[in-house]
Amino acid sequence: MKSWDGVGEAYAASYASLCAGTGDTLIRLLGDADGRRLLDVGSGTGDLAARFARLGWDVIGCEPEDSMRSVAEREHPGIRFVRGALPDLPFADGSFDAVTANFVLNHVPDQRLAARGIARIAVPDAALAATIWIDSPSWFWREVCERAQLVPATGERLAPEKDFARTALGFAGMLAEADWQTVAAVEESWTWQVAPEALWRSAEGGVASAGLFYLGLDDDERLRFRRGFDELCDEHAQDGVVPLRHTAAVAVGRAA
């Protein structure tokens, strides 16, 4: 799967605000805090963990990438962030009353194994919540490549025996196969209003597939990529921001 090494600052300046789009739904699905202990798996720069903490949850963030954790610790000093990655999280069985994994399961090589790792560290009947992308703005970066006369990188796919339909129903079914109980999932769409400079920061900083693709280009290709990017932003920008539509599957279940 793609590397996220060293992208913490660029991610914080760009895609962190995109991934925050599911925060309200996750908070609603998990209910009142009541002093419960929550683990945010793949906590990134810590924004979702901080939202839960402000609502009274006893929160720990777990993030494997050092630069992400550095940003999280700087921006949210009242929250404990630890190093750890799915499926082998550094916690004992039954340690948490709730677990969230926001746009994490789309970055692991075996989603079912990772989902079992999430359930393992939760107490029986604990709330488990996770999200994945159904539709992201990959069209934008493909069109940038087309204008730059570059061949975009093909997206990573799982082996057929590990794959599942990228729909709310397919996501819920995969989690049920991973022993999550009473799983329900919905599709949620929103428009990310992003400033062109923040969107460019993601590419220049190596964030996600488009960023890795950009960093692999030579100098001439990078100039062409930037020209295509600027042209597309000029065409789509409204009041200084580029509106990019997204859809995610948001699932909630229970630990056995």
C-alpha atoms as a PDB file:
ATOM      1  CA  MET A   1       0.000   0.000   0.000  1.00  0.00           C
ATOM      2  CA  LYS A   2       1.081   3.616  -0.499  1.00  0.00           C
ATOM      3  CA  SER A   3       3.640   5.199   1.813  1.00  0.00           C
ATOM      4  CA  TRP A   4       2.659   8.084   4.086  1.00  0.00           C
ATOM      5  CA  ASP A   5       6.167   8.642   5.441  1.00  0.00           C
ATOM      6  CA  GLY A   6       6.958  12.252   6.304  1.00  0.00           C
ATOM      7  CA  VAL A   7       3.702  13.789   5.034  1.00  0.00           C
ATOM      8  CA  GLY A   8       2.316  14.999   8.379  1.00  0.00           C
ATOM      9  CA  GLU A   9       2.690  18.730   7.800  1.00  0.00           C
ATOM     10  CA  ALA A  10       1.426  18.592   4.201  1.00  0.00           C
ATOM     11  CA  TYR A  11      -1.509  16.410   5.222  1.00  0.00           C
ATOM     12  CA  ALA A  12      -2.416  18.801   8.041  1.00  0.00           C
ATOM     13  CA  ALA A  13      -2.450  21.684   5.553  1.00  0.00           C
ATOM     14  CA  SER A  14      -4.622  19.852   3.023  1.00  0.00           C
ATOM     15  CA  TYR A  15      -6.398  16.522   3.341  1.00  0.00           C
ATOM     16  CA  ALA A  16      -6.969  16.722   7.095  1.00  0.00           C
ATOM     17  CA  SER A  17      -9.879  19.086   6.490  1.00  0.00           C
ATOM     18  CA  LEU A  18     -11.277  16.714   3.877  1.00  0.00           C
ATOM     19  CA  CYS A  19     -11.217  13.693   6.172  1.00  0.00           C
ATOM     20  CA  ALA A  20     -12.946  15.730   8.874  1.00  0.00           C
ATOM     21  CA  GLY A  21     -16.089  15.588   6.739  1.00  0.00           C
ATOM     22  CA  THR A  22     -17.354  12.432   8.459  1.00  0.00           C
ATOM     23  CA  GLY A  23     -16.753  13.724  11.996  1.00  0.00           C
ATOM     24  CA  ASP A  24     -20.330  14.790  12.749  1.00  0.00           C
ATOM     25  CA  THR A  25     -21.722  11.427  11.657  1.00  0.00           C
ATOM     26  CA  LEU A  26     -19.195   9.436  13.699  1.00  0.00           C
ATOM     27  CA  ILE A  27     -19.949  11.513  16.786  1.00  0.00           C
ATOM     28  CA  ARG A  28     -23.677  10.968  16.329  1.00  0.00           C
ATOM     29  CA  LEU A  29     -23.303   7.220  15.814  1.00  0.00           C
ATOM     30  CA  LEU A  30     -21.233   6.729  18.971  1.00  0.00           C
ATOM     31  CA  GLY A  31     -23.620   8.676  21.204  1.00  0.00           C
ATOM     32  CA  ASP A  32     -22.895  10.453  24.468  1.00  0.00           C
ATOM     33  CA  ALA A  33     -19.459  10.158  26.006  1.00  0.00           C
ATOM     34  CA  ASP A  34     -20.454   9.290  29.581  1.00  0.00           C
ATOM     35  CA  GLY A  35     -16.746   9.159  30.437  1.00  0.00           C
ATOM     36  CA  ARG A  36     -16.174   6.211  28.111  1.00  0.00           C
ATOM     37  CA  ARG A  37     -12.711   5.334  26.791  1.00  0.00           C
ATOM     38  CA  LEU A  38     -12.226   5.701  23.042  1.00  0.00           C
ATOM     39  CA  LEU A  39      -9.373   4.748  20.730  1.00  0.00           C
ATOM     40  CA  ASP A  40      -9.019   6.552  17.412  1.00  0.00           C
ATOM     41  CA  VAL A  41      -7.078   4.180  15.152  1.00  0.00           C
ATOM     42  CA  GLY A  42      -4.988   5.779  12.422  1.00  0.00           C
ATOM     43  CA  SER A  43      -5.518   9.098  14.156  1.00  0.00           C
ATOM     44  CA  GLY A  44      -3.354  11.074  11.718  1.00  0.00           C
ATOM     45  CA  THR A  45      -2.919  14.640  12.900  1.00  0.00           C
ATOM     46  CA  GLY A  46      -5.376  14.115  15.749  1.00  0.00           C
ATOM     47  CA  ASP A  47      -8.305  16.298  14.739  1.00  0.00           C
ATOM     48  CA  LEU A  48     -11.024  13.650  15.167  1.00  0.00           C
ATOM     49  CA  ALA A  49      -9.548  12.486  18.477  1.00  0.00           C
ATOM     50  CA  ALA A  50      -9.616  16.097  19.675  1.00  0.00           C
ATOM     51  CA  ARG A  51     -13.275  16.495  18.736  1.00  0.00           C
ATOM     52  CA  PHE A  52     -14.217  13.431  20.784  1.00  0.00           C
ATOM     53  CA  ALA A  53     -12.077  14.617  23.697  1.00  0.00           C
ATOM     54  CA  ARG A  54     -13.881  17.971  23.744  1.00  0.00           C
ATOM     55  CA  LEU A  55     -17.160  16.062  24.080  1.00  0.00           C
ATOM     56  CA  GLY A  56     -15.981  14.290  27.228  1.00  0.00           C
ATOM     57  CA  TRP A  57     -14.544  11.058  25.865  1.00  0.00           C
ATOM     58  CA  ASP A  58     -11.366   9.642  27.426  1.00  0.00           C
ATOM     59  CA  VAL A  59      -9.421   9.490  24.151  1.00  0.00           C
ATOM     60  CA  ILE A  60      -6.194   7.917  22.970  1.00  0.00           C
ATOM     61  CA  GLY A  61      -4.960   8.306  19.387  1.00  0.00           C
ATOM     62  CA  CYS A  62      -2.990   5.530  17.699  1.00  0.00           C
ATOM     63  CA  GLU A  63      -0.951   6.424  14.606  1.00  0.00           C
ATOM     64  CA  PRO A  64       1.994   4.572  13.004  1.00  0.00           C
ATOM     65  CA  GLU A  65       3.509   7.485  11.057  1.00  0.00           C
ATOM     66  CA  ASP A  66       5.945   9.640  13.033  1.00  0.00           C
ATOM     67  CA  SER A  67       5.351  12.983  11.284  1.00  0.00           C
ATOM     68  CA  MET A  68       1.579  12.627  11.725  1.00  0.00           C
ATOM     69  CA  ARG A  69       2.003  11.982  15.438  1.00  0.00           C
ATOM     70  CA  SER A  70       4.359  14.951  15.756  1.00  0.00           C
ATOM     71  CA  VAL A  71       1.701  17.266  14.352  1.00  0.00           C
ATOM     72  CA  ALA A  72      -0.983  15.688  16.551  1.00  0.00           C
ATOM     73  CA  GLU A  73       1.088  16.063  19.716  1.00  0.00           C
ATOM     74  CA  ARG A  74       1.875  19.685  18.888  1.00  0.00           C
ATOM     75  CA  GLU A  75      -1.689  20.660  18.018  1.00  0.00           C
ATOM     76  CA  HIS A  76      -3.464  18.602  20.692  1.00  0.00           C
ATOM     77  CA  PRO A  77      -1.120  18.422  23.695  1.00  0.00           C
ATOM     78  CA  GLY A  78      -3.852  17.236  26.068  1.00  0.00           C
ATOM     79  CA  ILE A  79      -4.318  13.947  24.211  1.00  0.00           C
ATOM     80  CA  ARG A  80      -2.066  10.913  24.345  1.00  0.00           C
ATOM     81  CA  PHE A  81      -0.932   9.635  20.941  1.00  0.00           C
ATOM     82  CA  VAL A  82       0.871   6.311  20.677  1.00  0.00           C
ATOM     83  CA  ARG A  83       2.663   4.520  17.864  1.00  0.00           C
ATOM     84  CA  GLY A  84       0.833   1.497  16.485  1.00  0.00           C
ATOM     85  CA  ALA A  85      -0.616   0.024  13.321  1.00  0.00           C
ATOM     86  CA  LEU A  86      -3.330  -2.416  12.383  1.00  0.00           C
ATOM     87  CA  PRO A  87      -3.862  -5.262  12.783  1.00  0.00           C
ATOM     88  CA  ASP A  88      -1.545  -5.650  15.790  1.00  0.00           C
ATOM     89  CA  LEU A  89      -2.481  -2.662  17.931  1.00  0.00           C
ATOM     90  CA  PRO A  90      -0.403  -2.209  21.112  1.00  0.00           C
ATOM     91  CA  PHE A  91      -3.309  -2.691  23.534  1.00  0.00           C
ATOM     92  CA  ALA A  92      -4.718  -5.588  25.507  1.00  0.00           C
ATOM     93  CA  ASP A  93      -7.959  -7.277  24.545  1.00  0.00           C
ATOM     94  CA  GLY A  94     -11.030  -5.386  25.707  1.00  0.00           C
ATOM     95  CA  SER A  95      -9.287  -2.084  26.489  1.00  0.00           C
ATOM     96  CA  PHE A  96     -11.790   0.404  25.018  1.00  0.00           C
ATOM     97  CA  ASP A  97     -15.490   1.210  25.135  1.00  0.00           C
ATOM     98  CA  ALA A  98     -15.472   2.488  21.547  1.00  0.00           C
ATOM     99  CA  VAL A  99     -13.092   2.475  18.579  1.00  0.00           C
ATOM    100  CA  THR A 100     -13.045   4.687  15.491  1.00  0.00           C
ATOM    101  CA  ALA A 101     -11.087   4.198  12.263  1.00  0.00           C
ATOM    102  CA  ASN A 102     -11.681   7.151   9.938  1.00  0.00           C
ATOM    103  CA  PHE A 103     -10.380   6.454   6.404  1.00  0.00           C
ATOM    104  CA  VAL A 104      -7.933   3.868   7.685  1.00  0.00           C
ATOM    105  CA  LEU A 105      -9.208   0.566   6.302  1.00  0.00           C
ATOM    106  CA  ASN A 106      -8.664   1.799   2.728  1.00  0.00           C
ATOM    107  CA  HIS A 107      -4.917   1.960   3.488  1.00  0.00           C
ATOM    108  CA  VAL A 108      -4.269  -1.587   4.746  1.00  0.00           C
ATOM    109  CA  PRO A 109      -3.519  -4.717   2.687  1.00  0.00           C
ATOM    110  CA  ASP A 110      -6.117  -6.901   4.444  1.00  0.00           C
ATOM    111  CA  GLN A 111      -9.267  -5.079   5.573  1.00  0.00           C
ATOM    112  CA  ARG A 112     -10.859  -8.048   7.309  1.00  0.00           C
ATOM    113  CA  LEU A 113      -7.742  -8.776   9.352  1.00  0.00           C
ATOM    114  CA  ALA A 114      -7.476  -5.086  10.282  1.00  0.00           C
ATOM    115  CA  ALA A 115     -11.167  -4.945  11.243  1.00  0.00           C
ATOM    116  CA  ARG A 116     -10.663  -7.932  13.548  1.00  0.00           C
ATOM    117  CA  GLY A 117      -7.753  -6.062  15.119  1.00  0.00           C
ATOM    118  CA  ILE A 118     -10.102  -3.169  15.846  1.00  0.00           C
ATOM    119  CA  ALA A 119     -12.697  -5.442  17.465  1.00  0.00           C
ATOM    120  CA  ARG A 120     -10.104  -7.262  19.561  1.00  0.00           C
ATOM    121  CA  ILE A 121      -9.208  -4.249  21.679  1.00  0.00           C
ATOM    122  CA  ALA A 122     -12.858  -3.331  22.369  1.00  0.00           C
ATOM    123  CA  VAL A 123     -14.966  -4.548  25.286  1.00  0.00           C
ATOM    124  CA  PRO A 124     -17.971  -6.756  24.420  1.00  0.00           C
ATOM    125  CA  ASP A 125     -20.777  -4.741  22.812  1.00  0.00           C
ATOM    126  CA  ALA A 126     -18.488  -1.715  22.368  1.00  0.00           C
ATOM    127  CA  ALA A 127     -19.320   0.604  19.482  1.00  0.00           C
ATOM    128  CA  LEU A 128     -17.032   0.212  16.463  1.00  0.00           C
ATOM    129  CA  ALA A 129     -17.084   2.803  13.684  1.00  0.00           C
ATOM    130  CA  ALA A 130     -15.144   3.018  10.428  1.00  0.00           C
ATOM    131  CA  THR A 131     -15.181   4.862   7.115  1.00  0.00           C
ATOM    132  CA  ILE A 132     -13.823   4.309   3.614  1.00  0.00           C
ATOM    133  CA  TRP A 133     -13.946   6.268   0.388  1.00  0.00           C
ATOM    134  CA  ILE A 134     -16.558   5.404  -2.209  1.00  0.00           C
ATOM    135  CA  ASP A 135     -15.828   8.369  -4.459  1.00  0.00           C
ATOM    136  CA  SER A 136     -12.874  10.717  -4.024  1.00  0.00           C
ATOM    137  CA  PRO A 137     -11.698  13.525  -6.342  1.00  0.00           C
ATOM    138  CA  SER A 138      -9.394  11.253  -8.334  1.00  0.00           C
ATOM    139  CA  TRP A 139     -11.076  12.700 -11.443  1.00  0.00           C
ATOM    140  CA  PHE A 140      -9.424  16.029 -10.676  1.00  0.00           C
ATOM    141  CA  TRP A 141      -5.911  14.592 -10.636  1.00  0.00           C
ATOM    142  CA  ARG A 142      -6.612  12.445 -13.707  1.00  0.00           C
ATOM    143  CA  GLU A 143      -7.603  15.567 -15.609  1.00  0.00           C
ATOM    144  CA  VAL A 144      -4.481  17.364 -14.394  1.00  0.00           C
ATOM    145  CA  CYS A 145      -2.447  14.490 -15.846  1.00  0.00           C
ATOM    146  CA  GLU A 146      -4.384  14.595 -19.114  1.00  0.00           C
ATOM    147  CA  ARG A 147      -3.677  18.301 -19.534  1.00  0.00           C
ATOM    148  CA  ALA A 148      -0.018  17.703 -18.695  1.00  0.00           C
ATOM    149  CA  GLN A 149       0.128  14.805 -21.189  1.00  0.00           C
ATOM    150  CA  LEU A 150       1.113  12.416 -18.437  1.00  0.00           C
ATOM    151  CA  VAL A 151      -0.148   8.900 -17.817  1.00  0.00           C
ATOM    152  CA  PRO A 152      -1.673   8.813 -14.315  1.00  0.00           C
ATOM    153  CA  ALA A 153      -0.734   6.061 -11.920  1.00  0.00           C
ATOM    154  CA  THR A 154      -3.259   3.255 -11.721  1.00  0.00           C
ATOM    155  CA  GLY A 155      -4.999   2.857  -8.401  1.00  0.00           C
ATOM    156  CA  GLU A 156      -4.018   0.052  -6.073  1.00  0.00           C
ATOM    157  CA  ARG A 157      -6.422  -2.849  -5.894  1.00  0.00           C
ATOM    158  CA  LEU A 158      -6.685  -5.680  -3.437  1.00  0.00           C
ATOM    159  CA  ALA A 159      -6.323  -9.308  -4.454  1.00  0.00           C
ATOM    160  CA  PRO A 160      -9.732 -10.579  -5.646  1.00  0.00           C
ATOM    161  CA  GLU A 161     -10.176 -12.830  -2.642  1.00  0.00           C
ATOM    162  CA  LYS A 162      -9.673  -9.870  -0.288  1.00  0.00           C
ATOM    163  CA  ASP A 163     -11.614  -7.237  -2.209  1.00  0.00           C
ATOM    164  CA  PHE A 164     -15.198  -6.092  -1.635  1.00  0.00           C
ATOM    165  CA  ALA A 165     -17.699  -3.754  -3.264  1.00  0.00           C
ATOM    166  CA  ARG A 166     -16.981  -0.106  -2.547  1.00  0.00           C
ATOM    167  CA  THR A 167     -20.535   0.637  -1.470  1.00  0.00           C
ATOM    168  CA  ALA A 168     -22.145   1.045   1.937  1.00  0.00           C
ATOM    169  CA  LEU A 169     -23.606  -2.465   1.613  1.00  0.00           C
ATOM    170  CA  GLY A 170     -20.292  -3.958   0.496  1.00  0.00           C
ATOM    171  CA  PHE A 171     -18.411  -2.260   3.331  1.00  0.00           C
ATOM    172  CA  ALA A 172     -20.932  -3.463   5.923  1.00  0.00           C
ATOM    173  CA  GLY A 173     -20.709  -6.999   4.548  1.00  0.00           C
ATOM    174  CA  MET A 174     -16.920  -7.018   4.753  1.00  0.00           C
ATOM    175  CA  LEU A 175     -17.017  -5.856   8.387  1.00  0.00           C
ATOM    176  CA  ALA A 176     -19.587  -8.523   9.246  1.00  0.00           C
ATOM    177  CA  GLU A 177     -17.237 -11.122   7.750  1.00  0.00           C
ATOM    178  CA  ALA A 178     -14.602  -9.714  10.132  1.00  0.00           C
ATOM    179  CA  ASP A 179     -16.873 -10.556  13.100  1.00  0.00           C
ATOM    180  CA  TRP A 180     -18.323  -7.102  13.705  1.00  0.00           C
ATOM    181  CA  GLN A 181     -21.858  -7.525  15.031  1.00  0.00           C
ATOM    182  CA  THR A 182     -25.068  -5.766  13.875  1.00  0.00           C
ATOM    183  CA  VAL A 183     -23.231  -3.706  11.267  1.00  0.00           C
ATOM    184  CA  ALA A 184     -25.046  -0.885   9.507  1.00  0.00           C
ATOM    185  CA  ALA A 185     -23.569   1.509   6.962  1.00  0.00           C
ATOM    186  CA  VAL A 186     -24.678   4.608   5.107  1.00  0.00           C
ATOM    187  CA  GLU A 187     -23.300   6.655   2.255  1.00  0.00           C
ATOM    188  CA  GLU A 188     -22.455  10.245   3.054  1.00  0.00           C
ATOM    189  CA  SER A 189     -21.602  12.902   0.469  1.00  0.00           C
ATOM    190  CA  TRP A 190     -20.204  16.395   0.940  1.00  0.00           C
ATOM    191  CA  THR A 191     -18.308  19.036  -0.961  1.00  0.00           C
ATOM    192  CA  TRP A 192     -14.778  19.823   0.133  1.00  0.00           C
ATOM    193  CA  GLN A 193     -14.219  23.533  -0.354  1.00  0.00           C
ATOM    194  CA  VAL A 194     -10.456  23.643  -0.717  1.00  0.00           C
ATOM    195  CA  ALA A 195      -8.177  26.546  -1.540  1.00  0.00           C
ATOM    196  CA  PRO A 196      -5.933  25.830  -4.555  1.00  0.00           C
ATOM    197  CA  GLU A 197      -2.805  26.444  -2.469  1.00  0.00           C
ATOM    198  CA  ALA A 198      -3.892  23.801   0.064  1.00  0.00           C
ATOM    199  CA  LEU A 199      -4.687  21.328  -2.707  1.00  0.00           C
ATOM    200  CA  TRP A 200      -1.291  21.976  -4.259  1.00  0.00           C
ATOM    201  CA  ARG A 201       0.360  21.473  -0.866  1.00  0.00           C
ATOM    202  CA  SER A 202      -0.986  17.922  -0.875  1.00  0.00           C
ATOM    203  CA  ALA A 203       0.623  17.162  -4.235  1.00  0.00           C
ATOM    204  CA  GLU A 204       3.922  18.895  -3.480  1.00  0.00           C
ATOM    205  CA  GLY A 205       4.063  17.240  -0.066  1.00  0.00           C
ATOM    206  CA  GLY A 206       3.554  13.708  -1.380  1.00  0.00           C
ATOM    207  CA  VAL A 207       0.113  13.154   0.161  1.00  0.00           C
ATOM    208  CA  ALA A 208      -1.984  10.264  -1.201  1.00  0.00           C
ATOM    209  CA  SER A 209      -1.661   8.797  -4.699  1.00  0.00           C
ATOM    210  CA  ALA A 210      -1.502  12.129  -6.518  1.00  0.00           C
ATOM    211  CA  GLY A 211       1.291  13.355  -4.273  1.00  0.00           C
ATOM    212  CA  LEU A 212       3.359  10.222  -4.729  1.00  0.00           C
ATOM    213  CA  PHE A 213       2.828  10.452  -8.480  1.00  0.00           C
ATOM    214  CA  TYR A 214       3.978  14.084  -8.539  1.00  0.00           C
ATOM    215  CA  LEU A 215       7.124  13.354  -6.520  1.00  0.00           C
ATOM    216  CA  GLY A 216       8.062  10.656  -9.032  1.00  0.00           C
ATOM    217  CA  LEU A 217       8.098  13.096 -11.971  1.00  0.00           C
ATOM    218  CA  ASP A 218      11.136  14.782 -13.470  1.00  0.00           C
ATOM    219  CA  ASP A 219      11.490  18.576 -13.526  1.00  0.00           C
ATOM    220  CA  ASP A 220       9.841  19.074 -16.923  1.00  0.00           C
ATOM    221  CA  GLU A 221       6.942  16.791 -16.022  1.00  0.00           C
ATOM    222  CA  ARG A 222       6.424  18.643 -12.762  1.00  0.00           C
ATOM    223  CA  LEU A 223       6.171  21.956 -14.618  1.00  0.00           C
ATOM    224  CA  ARG A 224       3.570  20.485 -16.964  1.00  0.00           C
ATOM    225  CA  PHE A 225       1.681  18.983 -14.027  1.00  0.00           C
ATOM    226  CA  ARG A 226       1.616  22.368 -12.275  1.00  0.00           C
ATOM    227  CA  ARG A 227       0.352  24.123 -15.421  1.00  0.00           C
ATOM    228  CA  GLY A 228      -2.445  21.585 -15.757  1.00  0.00           C
ATOM    229  CA  PHE A 229      -3.281  22.007 -12.085  1.00  0.00           C
ATOM    230  CA  ASP A 230      -3.447  25.799 -12.348  1.00  0.00           C
ATOM    231  CA  GLU A 231      -5.638  25.643 -15.463  1.00  0.00           C
ATOM    232  CA  LEU A 232      -8.093  23.259 -13.817  1.00  0.00           C
ATOM    233  CA  CYS A 233      -8.276  25.291 -10.620  1.00  0.00           C
ATOM    234  CA  ASP A 234      -8.892  28.471 -12.622  1.00  0.00           C
ATOM    235  CA  GLU A 235     -11.800  26.778 -14.401  1.00  0.00           C
ATOM    236  CA  HIS A 236     -13.445  25.274 -11.305  1.00  0.00           C
ATOM    237  CA  ALA A 237     -12.659  27.758  -8.532  1.00  0.00           C
ATOM    238  CA  GLN A 238     -15.564  29.620  -6.949  1.00  0.00           C
ATOM    239  CA  ASP A 239     -14.864  32.524  -4.605  1.00  0.00           C
ATOM    240  CA  GLY A 240     -11.266  31.411  -4.233  1.00  0.00           C
ATOM    241  CA  VAL A 241     -11.899  27.728  -3.475  1.00  0.00           C
ATOM    242  CA  VAL A 242     -12.262  24.578  -5.563  1.00  0.00           C
ATOM    243  CA  PRO A 243     -15.418  22.571  -4.730  1.00  0.00           C
ATOM    244  CA  LEU A 244     -14.706  18.824  -4.852  1.00  0.00           C
ATOM    245  CA  ARG A 245     -17.540  16.371  -4.238  1.00  0.00           C
ATOM    246  CA  HIS A 246     -16.870  13.259  -2.123  1.00  0.00           C
ATOM    247  CA  THR A 247     -18.784  10.202  -0.988  1.00  0.00           C
ATOM    248  CA  ALA A 248     -17.823   7.897   1.880  1.00  0.00           C
ATOM    249  CA  ALA A 249     -19.267   4.787   3.470  1.00  0.00           C
ATOM    250  CA  VAL A 250     -19.712   5.234   7.217  1.00  0.00           C
ATOM    251  CA  ALA A 251     -20.264   2.017   9.175  1.00  0.00           C
ATOM    252  CA  VAL A 252     -21.028   1.283  12.810  1.00  0.00           C
ATOM    253  CA  GLY A 253     -21.165  -2.091  14.536  1.00  0.00           C
ATOM    254  CA  ARG A 254     -20.569  -3.787  17.839  1.00  0.00           C
ATOM    255  CA  ALA A 255     -17.773  -5.898  19.251  1.00  0.00           C
ATOM    256  CA  ALA A 256     -18.682  -9.504  20.024  1.00  0.00           C
END
